[in-house]
Amino acid sequence: MPTWLIWVIVIVVVLVVVGAAVAMTSKRRTEQKRARAEELRSEAATQAGGLTESQRQAEELRKAAVVIVVAGMDGALASVVGGMVRVPVVAVPTSVGYGASFGGVAALLAMLNSCASGVVVVNIDNGFGAAAAAARINHLP
């Protein structure tokens, strides 16, 4: 058997094993996210979010040095907030959404294609990266 064929078989086996591990991890994360979403539903009944809340808080947002926007579904909130303020907006797409959200890819692409100037985008569910970017923006001279 040629050496290259052995390597191909080894790579395929490794990919299958890693794929199975990723699938199990992703299933566990999905279950955790569903449980957390259920907890948040009760809070959502008492708090307005998204576009409605950003309009109510527009004046407060304008006072900030940087704004972090976390949005799923279609990710349009980053563009809306970016149009409302004159400071940098760090957009964080979430993997939670409805319909064809594709694990956050739909929100990510919408945010990357934002027409509002000053919107920067971090990776899906990367709240830490957004906070690090915002901290650096806050410490600019």
Protein backbone atom coordinates (compact mmCIF):
# COMPACT_ATOMS: atom_id res chain seq x y z
CA MET A 1 0.00 0.00 0.00
CA PRO A 2 1.48 3.41 -0.94
CA THR A 3 2.52 5.73 1.90
CA TRP A 4 0.29 8.56 0.69
CA LEU A 5 -2.76 6.28 0.93
CA ILE A 6 -1.90 5.35 4.51
CA TRP A 7 -1.70 9.07 5.37
CA VAL A 8 -5.05 9.71 3.73
CA ILE A 9 -6.64 6.92 5.77
CA VAL A 10 -5.06 8.22 8.99
CA ILE A 11 -6.28 11.76 8.27
CA VAL A 12 -9.80 10.53 7.53
CA VAL A 13 -9.89 8.52 10.77
CA VAL A 14 -8.64 11.51 12.78
CA LEU A 15 -11.23 13.79 11.17
CA VAL A 16 -14.01 11.33 11.96
CA VAL A 17 -12.90 11.01 15.61
CA VAL A 18 -12.48 14.78 16.04
CA GLY A 19 -15.81 15.36 14.29
CA ALA A 20 -17.53 12.99 16.71
CA ALA A 21 -15.96 14.77 19.69
CA VAL A 22 -17.01 18.18 18.32
CA ALA A 23 -20.54 16.90 17.70
CA MET A 24 -20.81 15.64 21.29
CA THR A 25 -19.44 18.90 22.69
CA SER A 26 -21.72 20.96 20.50
CA LYS A 27 -24.74 18.90 21.55
CA ARG A 28 -23.87 19.49 25.21
CA ARG A 29 -23.41 23.23 24.59
CA THR A 30 -26.74 23.38 22.75
CA GLU A 31 -28.50 21.78 25.71
CA GLN A 32 -26.85 24.26 28.09
CA LYS A 33 -27.84 27.19 25.87
CA ARG A 34 -31.44 25.99 25.70
CA ALA A 35 -31.60 25.76 29.49
CA ARG A 36 -30.13 29.26 29.82
CA ALA A 37 -32.54 30.61 27.18
CA GLU A 38 -35.45 29.25 29.19
CA GLU A 39 -34.18 31.07 32.29
CA LEU A 40 -33.84 34.30 30.35
CA ARG A 41 -37.37 34.12 28.92
CA SER A 42 -38.83 35.00 32.31
CA GLU A 43 -36.50 38.01 32.54
CA ALA A 44 -37.35 39.08 29.00
CA ALA A 45 -40.99 39.49 29.99
CA THR A 46 -40.02 42.33 32.34
CA GLN A 47 -37.24 43.95 30.26
CA ALA A 48 -37.44 45.42 26.80
CA GLY A 49 -34.45 44.59 24.65
CA GLY A 50 -32.96 45.13 21.25
CA LEU A 51 -34.16 48.05 19.17
CA THR A 52 -36.81 49.28 21.61
CA GLU A 53 -34.36 49.48 24.49
CA SER A 54 -31.62 51.07 22.38
CA GLN A 55 -34.01 53.86 21.36
CA ARG A 56 -34.93 54.46 25.01
CA GLN A 57 -31.27 54.53 26.00
CA ALA A 58 -30.04 56.53 22.98
CA GLU A 59 -28.92 59.54 25.02
CA GLU A 60 -27.04 57.31 27.47
CA LEU A 61 -25.38 55.44 24.58
CA ARG A 62 -24.21 58.74 23.08
CA LYS A 63 -22.31 59.56 26.31
CA ALA A 64 -20.22 56.37 26.13
CA ALA A 65 -16.68 56.22 24.74
CA VAL A 66 -17.45 52.87 23.08
CA VAL A 67 -20.57 50.71 22.79
CA ILE A 68 -20.68 46.90 22.73
CA VAL A 69 -23.71 45.48 20.91
CA VAL A 70 -24.54 41.79 21.29
CA ALA A 71 -27.14 40.57 18.81
CA GLY A 72 -28.28 37.32 17.28
CA MET A 73 -31.03 36.55 14.82
CA ASP A 74 -30.24 38.86 11.90
CA GLY A 75 -27.62 41.04 13.66
CA ALA A 76 -29.19 44.33 12.53
CA LEU A 77 -28.96 45.94 15.96
CA ALA A 78 -25.28 46.81 15.45
CA SER A 79 -26.11 48.88 12.36
CA VAL A 80 -28.96 50.64 14.15
CA VAL A 81 -26.81 51.56 17.15
CA GLY A 82 -23.93 52.50 14.85
CA GLY A 83 -26.24 54.98 13.15
CA MET A 84 -27.35 56.44 16.48
CA VAL A 85 -23.94 57.15 18.05
CA ARG A 86 -20.70 58.78 16.96
CA VAL A 87 -18.43 56.46 18.95
CA PRO A 88 -16.99 53.07 18.00
CA VAL A 89 -19.43 50.17 18.16
CA VAL A 90 -18.06 46.68 18.84
CA ALA A 91 -20.54 44.15 17.47
CA VAL A 92 -20.76 40.62 18.87
CA PRO A 93 -22.87 38.15 16.87
CA THR A 94 -24.40 35.37 18.93
CA SER A 95 -24.91 31.76 17.94
CA VAL A 96 -28.48 31.87 19.24
CA GLY A 97 -31.12 32.86 16.74
CA TYR A 98 -34.21 31.76 14.94
CA GLY A 99 -34.74 30.43 11.44
CA ALA A 100 -31.62 30.09 9.36
CA SER A 101 -29.16 31.69 11.78
CA PHE A 102 -26.56 29.00 10.97
CA GLY A 103 -25.07 29.14 14.46
CA GLY A 104 -24.44 32.89 14.29
CA VAL A 105 -23.01 33.05 10.78
CA ALA A 106 -26.05 35.01 9.52
CA ALA A 107 -25.61 37.65 12.26
CA LEU A 108 -21.84 37.74 11.68
CA LEU A 109 -22.25 38.40 7.96
CA ALA A 110 -24.93 41.04 8.56
CA MET A 111 -22.65 42.84 11.02
CA LEU A 112 -19.66 42.63 8.69
CA ASN A 113 -21.78 44.22 5.96
CA SER A 114 -23.03 47.02 8.21
CA CYS A 115 -23.50 50.33 6.45
CA ALA A 116 -22.93 52.31 9.67
CA SER A 117 -19.42 53.69 9.98
CA GLY A 118 -17.45 52.87 13.10
CA VAL A 119 -18.82 49.35 13.58
CA VAL A 120 -16.18 46.70 14.22
CA VAL A 121 -17.08 43.03 14.53
CA VAL A 122 -15.60 40.25 16.65
CA ASN A 123 -16.19 36.56 16.15
CA ILE A 124 -19.38 34.69 17.09
CA ASP A 125 -19.97 34.61 20.89
CA ASN A 126 -16.66 36.42 21.51
CA GLY A 127 -17.78 38.74 24.28
CA PHE A 128 -14.32 38.63 25.83
CA GLY A 129 -12.73 39.88 22.62
CA ALA A 130 -15.30 42.68 22.44
CA ALA A 131 -14.56 43.70 26.02
CA ALA A 132 -10.80 43.67 25.36
CA ALA A 133 -11.26 45.86 22.26
CA ALA A 134 -13.54 48.25 24.16
CA ALA A 135 -11.02 48.49 27.01
CA ARG A 136 -8.27 49.40 24.58
CA ILE A 137 -10.48 52.00 22.91
CA ASN A 138 -11.26 53.47 26.35
CA HIS A 139 -7.54 53.80 27.09
CA LEU A 140 -6.63 55.65 23.89
CA PRO A 141 -5.05 59.04 24.56
